[in-house]
Amino acid sequence: MRRDETLRIGASVSGAVLRVLTALVVVAAAMAIGAPPVWLGIAAALALFGALLPSQGGTWLAAGVLLIVLLLDSPDGGRATIVVAAVHALHVLGALSLVVPATARVSLRALRPTALRLAAMQTAGQITLHAGLLIPSAGALPAAVIAGAVAALTLALWMLGMLGRSRLTAFAPGTGRSPSADAEPSVGGRSYT
């Protein structure tokens, strides 16, 4: 592409908007759940750090601060709903900030599938949260919590087993030659180095 050519991508936003939105989500969620001023400041500082340097994980640390603030008081349904929505949105926005440079423009059509997945998973997460809040807790762990923990552990062990098998086949001893060792370079011709 030459300098005098333009690329039309339709409606778009700057990558910087995603980063600013990340910081706004953190501050709005912290204020909505009634974070004490110290925790609000810590969350805002981490969100700003995450917006400036996404690869350093400030966004995910800010999400952790929201969880800590939720656990400081008794987590009621409204505050938990806000935190579940905010943490999920922060994960998505943080992941987008990792791959979309601040100076780039991203098409709204390209963000649509991500937004639809966010909405679908948020719906499932909120339903699960409110179903869990309906379970009475009379001093002991309800059977549903224990069953959920066993299911999560089973899933984690199963996935770990799959990972182990795939690593064994990925690094199996071979002939020592790369499959592309005999192929010509595909960059426009022979290399004479």
Protein backbone atom coordinates (compact mmCIF):
# COMPACT_ATOMS: atom_id res chain seq x y z
CA MET A 1 0.00 0.00 0.00
CA ARG A 2 1.34 3.43 -0.93
CA ARG A 3 1.11 6.60 1.15
CA ASP A 4 -1.51 8.17 -1.10
CA GLU A 5 -3.84 5.16 -0.83
CA THR A 6 -6.50 4.89 1.83
CA LEU A 7 -8.20 1.90 3.33
CA ARG A 8 -11.94 2.14 3.92
CA ILE A 9 -13.04 0.01 6.86
CA GLY A 10 -16.35 1.66 7.63
CA ALA A 11 -17.30 2.69 11.14
CA SER A 12 -14.31 2.26 13.40
CA VAL A 13 -12.80 3.27 16.72
CA SER A 14 -9.27 3.98 17.75
CA GLY A 15 -7.35 1.40 19.75
CA ALA A 16 -6.91 4.10 22.39
CA VAL A 17 -10.69 4.10 22.93
CA LEU A 18 -10.50 0.45 24.04
CA ARG A 19 -7.86 1.36 26.60
CA VAL A 20 -9.77 4.38 27.90
CA LEU A 21 -12.91 2.24 28.12
CA THR A 22 -10.97 -0.27 30.22
CA ALA A 23 -10.07 2.40 32.76
CA LEU A 24 -13.61 3.77 32.79
CA VAL A 25 -15.08 0.31 33.44
CA VAL A 26 -12.78 -0.17 36.44
CA VAL A 27 -13.55 3.21 37.99
CA ALA A 28 -17.30 2.98 37.33
CA ALA A 29 -17.52 -0.53 38.77
CA ALA A 30 -15.46 0.39 41.84
CA MET A 31 -17.69 3.39 42.49
CA ALA A 32 -20.87 1.36 41.88
CA ILE A 33 -19.94 -1.30 44.44
CA GLY A 34 -19.02 1.33 47.01
CA ALA A 35 -15.27 0.87 47.11
CA PRO A 36 -13.54 2.73 49.93
CA PRO A 37 -11.45 5.67 48.65
CA VAL A 38 -8.14 3.84 49.13
CA TRP A 39 -9.30 0.83 47.12
CA LEU A 40 -10.87 3.11 44.51
CA GLY A 41 -7.50 4.86 44.10
CA ILE A 42 -5.64 1.55 43.84
CA ALA A 43 -8.09 0.26 41.23
CA ALA A 44 -7.90 3.51 39.24
CA ALA A 45 -4.08 3.51 39.34
CA LEU A 46 -3.93 -0.11 38.17
CA ALA A 47 -6.46 0.61 35.42
CA LEU A 48 -4.41 3.57 34.21
CA PHE A 49 -1.25 1.44 34.32
CA GLY A 50 -3.07 -1.29 32.37
CA ALA A 51 -4.28 1.22 29.79
CA LEU A 52 -0.79 2.64 29.25
CA LEU A 53 1.08 -0.69 29.29
CA PRO A 54 -1.43 -3.47 28.55
CA SER A 55 1.20 -6.21 28.47
CA GLN A 56 2.03 -5.64 32.15
CA GLY A 57 -1.32 -6.93 33.42
CA GLY A 58 -2.62 -3.83 35.20
CA THR A 59 -6.11 -4.47 33.87
CA TRP A 60 -6.26 -7.92 35.44
CA LEU A 61 -4.84 -6.62 38.72
CA ALA A 62 -7.57 -3.96 38.74
CA ALA A 63 -10.13 -6.74 38.23
CA GLY A 64 -8.62 -8.49 41.24
CA VAL A 65 -9.03 -5.32 43.29
CA LEU A 66 -12.73 -5.30 42.39
CA LEU A 67 -13.01 -8.84 43.72
CA ILE A 68 -11.23 -7.86 46.94
CA VAL A 69 -13.58 -4.91 47.42
CA LEU A 70 -16.54 -7.23 46.87
CA LEU A 71 -15.26 -9.61 49.55
CA LEU A 72 -14.59 -6.83 52.09
CA ASP A 73 -18.32 -6.62 52.79
CA SER A 74 -20.97 -9.26 52.51
CA PRO A 75 -21.39 -9.84 48.78
CA ASP A 76 -25.03 -9.16 48.00
CA GLY A 77 -26.58 -9.92 44.63
CA GLY A 78 -26.39 -6.40 43.20
CA ARG A 79 -22.73 -5.85 43.98
CA ALA A 80 -21.82 -9.34 42.78
CA THR A 81 -23.70 -8.74 39.53
CA ILE A 82 -21.70 -5.58 38.89
CA VAL A 83 -18.38 -7.27 39.66
CA VAL A 84 -19.11 -10.29 37.43
CA ALA A 85 -20.03 -7.99 34.55
CA ALA A 86 -17.05 -5.68 35.11
CA VAL A 87 -14.45 -8.44 35.49
CA HIS A 88 -15.66 -10.14 32.32
CA ALA A 89 -15.67 -6.86 30.38
CA LEU A 90 -12.18 -6.08 31.71
CA HIS A 91 -10.89 -9.43 30.55
CA VAL A 92 -12.25 -8.85 27.04
CA LEU A 93 -11.06 -5.23 26.85
CA GLY A 94 -7.65 -6.16 28.28
CA ALA A 95 -7.23 -8.93 25.72
CA LEU A 96 -8.21 -6.56 22.91
CA SER A 97 -5.76 -3.96 24.23
CA LEU A 98 -2.99 -6.54 23.95
CA VAL A 99 -3.53 -7.06 20.22
CA VAL A 100 -4.87 -3.71 19.02
CA PRO A 101 -2.23 -0.95 19.12
CA ALA A 102 -3.39 2.37 20.58
CA THR A 103 -2.69 4.13 17.28
CA ALA A 104 -4.62 1.61 15.15
CA ARG A 105 -8.23 1.77 14.10
CA VAL A 106 -10.46 -1.25 14.51
CA SER A 107 -13.67 -1.76 12.57
CA LEU A 108 -16.86 -2.01 14.58
CA ARG A 109 -17.81 -4.94 12.34
CA ALA A 110 -14.66 -6.71 13.50
CA LEU A 111 -15.64 -6.14 17.14
CA ARG A 112 -19.17 -7.48 16.63
CA PRO A 113 -18.38 -11.20 17.17
CA THR A 114 -16.46 -10.35 20.34
CA ALA A 115 -19.38 -8.27 21.61
CA LEU A 116 -21.84 -11.07 20.86
CA ARG A 117 -19.67 -13.62 22.70
CA LEU A 118 -19.38 -11.21 25.63
CA ALA A 119 -23.15 -10.83 25.77
CA ALA A 120 -23.77 -14.58 25.54
CA MET A 121 -21.24 -15.46 28.23
CA GLN A 122 -22.41 -12.59 30.41
CA THR A 123 -25.95 -13.90 30.23
CA ALA A 124 -24.81 -17.38 31.25
CA GLY A 125 -22.62 -15.97 34.03
CA GLN A 126 -25.35 -13.78 35.47
CA ILE A 127 -27.87 -16.64 35.41
CA THR A 128 -25.35 -18.88 37.18
CA LEU A 129 -24.60 -16.17 39.75
CA HIS A 130 -28.24 -15.60 40.59
CA ALA A 131 -28.97 -19.32 40.69
CA GLY A 132 -26.10 -19.68 43.16
CA LEU A 133 -27.50 -16.87 45.30
CA LEU A 134 -30.77 -18.79 45.59
CA ILE A 135 -29.04 -21.76 47.21
CA PRO A 136 -29.50 -21.50 50.96
CA SER A 137 -26.34 -21.64 53.03
CA ALA A 138 -27.05 -22.76 56.57
CA GLY A 139 -23.54 -22.87 57.99
CA ALA A 140 -22.35 -25.84 55.92
CA LEU A 141 -21.41 -26.00 52.28
CA PRO A 142 -24.44 -26.77 50.12
CA ALA A 143 -24.27 -29.90 48.01
CA ALA A 144 -24.33 -27.81 44.82
CA VAL A 145 -21.10 -26.03 45.82
CA ILE A 146 -19.36 -29.32 46.54
CA ALA A 147 -20.62 -30.81 43.27
CA GLY A 148 -19.43 -27.74 41.37
CA ALA A 149 -15.97 -27.98 42.94
CA VAL A 150 -15.73 -31.67 42.04
CA ALA A 151 -16.84 -30.93 38.47
CA ALA A 152 -14.26 -28.12 38.12
CA LEU A 153 -11.50 -30.36 39.47
CA THR A 154 -12.50 -33.18 37.12
CA LEU A 155 -12.50 -30.82 34.14
CA ALA A 156 -9.07 -29.41 35.10
CA LEU A 157 -7.55 -32.89 35.45
CA TRP A 158 -9.07 -34.01 32.15
CA MET A 159 -7.67 -30.94 30.37
CA LEU A 160 -4.27 -31.48 31.96
CA GLY A 161 -4.28 -35.04 30.64
CA MET A 162 -5.16 -33.79 27.15
CA LEU A 163 -2.35 -31.26 27.31
CA GLY A 164 0.14 -33.94 28.30
CA ARG A 165 -0.86 -36.19 25.39
CA SER A 166 -0.67 -33.34 22.89
CA ARG A 167 2.77 -32.35 24.11
CA LEU A 168 4.03 -35.91 23.69
CA THR A 169 2.89 -36.02 20.08
CA ALA A 170 4.05 -32.48 19.32
CA PHE A 171 7.61 -33.18 20.40
CA ALA A 172 7.93 -36.76 19.23
CA PRO A 173 11.38 -37.67 17.89
CA GLY A 174 11.44 -37.42 14.12
CA THR A 175 13.90 -37.56 11.30
CA GLY A 176 15.69 -34.44 12.45
CA ARG A 177 14.77 -32.53 9.29
CA SER A 178 12.18 -29.83 9.08
CA PRO A 179 9.24 -30.58 6.74
CA SER A 180 10.05 -27.39 4.88
CA ALA A 181 13.78 -28.13 4.54
CA ASP A 182 13.43 -29.01 0.85
CA ALA A 183 10.99 -26.24 0.00
CA GLU A 184 12.05 -23.10 -1.81
CA PRO A 185 11.68 -19.81 0.03
CA SER A 186 8.32 -18.20 -0.65
CA VAL A 187 9.45 -14.59 -0.57
CA GLY A 188 9.78 -14.04 -4.28
CA GLY A 189 12.75 -16.08 -5.43
CA ARG A 190 15.92 -17.89 -4.52
CA SER A 191 18.13 -16.75 -1.71
CA TYR A 192 21.84 -16.51 -2.64
CA THR A 193 23.26 -16.21 0.85
